[in-house]
Amino acid sequence: MITEKIFIEMALSFPGTEQNPHFERIGFKITGKRMFATYLAENNSANIFLTPEEQRVFCKMSTANIYPVPNKWGEKGATTFVLSRQALQPSGKVPADLASEEGMPIRTWS
């Protein structure tokens, strides 16, 4: 399970990231740029802004727990992750068979 604390630590690990309120969520953005993720404590979920190609790769991992946001943002790559049902791989990486499909560079957390 990815807890609120772990998700916030991961989001803030990107250099220049700031945390701001975003409606009922916590928003994360790189200073001077657009938001890249939001977190909702109520149901321990995150919306992460991916490219449509990245979204397709991640959604293949678990269609019940990773899915496009059900609106126009989802069509542009915004993806909901149900964090209470997600586990980090021991290496902190996306499984190689999924990552290599799109040639995606994967960020790791230790």
Protein backbone atom coordinates (compact mmCIF):
# COMPACT_ATOMS: atom_id res chain seq x y z
CA MET A 1 0.00 0.00 0.00
CA ILE A 2 1.17 3.51 -0.77
CA THR A 3 0.23 5.73 2.16
CA GLU A 4 -0.41 9.47 2.09
CA LYS A 5 3.01 10.04 3.65
CA ILE A 6 4.79 7.91 1.03
CA PHE A 7 2.93 9.55 -1.87
CA ILE A 8 3.73 13.05 -0.62
CA GLU A 9 7.40 12.11 -0.13
CA MET A 10 7.53 10.71 -3.67
CA ALA A 11 5.85 13.77 -5.20
CA LEU A 12 8.09 16.19 -3.30
CA SER A 13 11.23 14.24 -4.26
CA PHE A 14 11.26 15.90 -7.68
CA PRO A 15 13.50 19.00 -7.56
CA GLY A 16 11.56 22.27 -7.35
CA THR A 17 8.24 20.63 -6.43
CA GLU A 18 5.79 22.57 -4.31
CA GLN A 19 2.65 21.41 -2.54
CA ASN A 20 -0.51 23.54 -2.70
CA PRO A 21 -4.21 23.10 -1.92
CA HIS A 22 -6.27 22.20 -5.00
CA PHE A 23 -9.99 22.13 -4.16
CA GLU A 24 -10.42 19.16 -1.75
CA ARG A 25 -7.06 17.74 -2.86
CA ILE A 26 -3.38 18.42 -2.34
CA GLY A 27 -1.76 19.55 -5.58
CA PHE A 28 1.87 19.09 -6.62
CA LYS A 29 3.68 21.10 -9.26
CA ILE A 30 7.16 22.11 -10.24
CA THR A 31 7.58 25.80 -9.38
CA GLY A 32 6.48 27.90 -12.36
CA LYS A 33 4.97 24.94 -14.21
CA ARG A 34 1.63 23.11 -14.37
CA MET A 35 0.42 20.67 -11.76
CA PHE A 36 1.58 17.08 -12.29
CA ALA A 37 -0.38 15.29 -9.56
CA THR A 38 -3.12 15.68 -6.95
CA TYR A 39 -3.80 13.59 -3.84
CA LEU A 40 -7.18 12.95 -2.18
CA ALA A 41 -6.87 11.78 1.44
CA GLU A 42 -10.57 10.84 1.64
CA ASN A 43 -10.01 7.72 -0.45
CA ASN A 44 -6.19 7.55 -0.61
CA SER A 45 -6.09 8.13 -4.36
CA ALA A 46 -3.96 10.24 -6.65
CA ASN A 47 -4.59 11.73 -10.06
CA ILE A 48 -1.33 11.86 -11.98
CA PHE A 49 -0.96 13.71 -15.25
CA LEU A 50 0.65 11.37 -17.77
CA THR A 51 0.85 11.40 -21.53
CA PRO A 52 -1.84 9.28 -23.19
CA GLU A 53 0.88 6.74 -24.11
CA GLU A 54 2.10 6.51 -20.50
CA GLN A 55 -1.51 6.22 -19.35
CA ARG A 56 -2.07 3.17 -21.57
CA VAL A 57 0.99 1.44 -20.07
CA PHE A 58 0.02 2.12 -16.46
CA CYS A 59 -3.64 1.19 -16.95
CA LYS A 60 -2.54 -2.26 -18.17
CA MET A 61 -1.07 -2.92 -14.71
CA SER A 62 -4.44 -2.97 -12.93
CA THR A 63 -7.59 -1.82 -14.71
CA ALA A 64 -9.57 -1.78 -11.44
CA ASN A 65 -7.05 0.40 -9.60
CA ILE A 66 -5.41 2.50 -12.32
CA TYR A 67 -7.76 4.14 -14.79
CA PRO A 68 -8.29 7.36 -16.79
CA VAL A 69 -9.97 10.19 -14.88
CA PRO A 70 -13.58 9.99 -16.16
CA ASN A 71 -13.70 13.36 -17.94
CA LYS A 72 -11.87 15.37 -20.62
CA TRP A 73 -8.71 15.40 -18.46
CA GLY A 74 -8.66 11.60 -18.61
CA GLU A 75 -8.68 11.75 -22.40
CA LYS A 76 -5.53 13.90 -22.17
CA GLY A 77 -3.72 11.43 -19.88
CA ALA A 78 -4.91 12.30 -16.35
CA THR A 79 -4.94 8.95 -14.54
CA THR A 80 -6.39 7.89 -11.18
CA PHE A 81 -4.32 5.57 -8.99
CA VAL A 82 -6.11 3.91 -6.05
CA LEU A 83 -3.11 3.97 -3.69
CA SER A 84 -4.53 1.71 -1.00
CA ARG A 85 -4.26 -1.11 -3.55
CA GLN A 86 -0.87 -0.22 -5.02
CA ALA A 87 2.47 -1.58 -3.97
CA LEU A 88 5.89 -0.31 -4.90
CA GLN A 89 8.06 -2.87 -6.58
CA PRO A 90 11.03 -3.74 -4.34
CA SER A 91 13.22 -1.70 -6.69
CA GLY A 92 10.71 1.19 -6.82
CA LYS A 93 10.38 0.59 -10.57
CA VAL A 94 7.57 -0.29 -12.93
CA PRO A 95 7.88 -3.95 -14.02
CA ALA A 96 10.33 -4.17 -16.94
CA ASP A 97 7.88 -5.88 -19.31
CA LEU A 98 5.49 -2.92 -19.02
CA ALA A 99 8.11 -0.17 -18.98
CA SER A 100 9.95 -1.45 -22.02
CA GLU A 101 6.74 -1.62 -24.06
CA GLU A 102 6.76 2.14 -24.54
CA GLY A 103 10.47 2.68 -23.84
CA MET A 104 9.50 4.81 -20.82
CA PRO A 105 12.22 6.06 -18.51
CA ILE A 106 11.19 5.09 -14.99
CA ARG A 107 12.03 7.14 -11.90
CA THR A 108 12.99 5.14 -8.83
CA TRP A 109 12.53 5.82 -5.12
CA SER A 110 14.58 4.25 -2.37
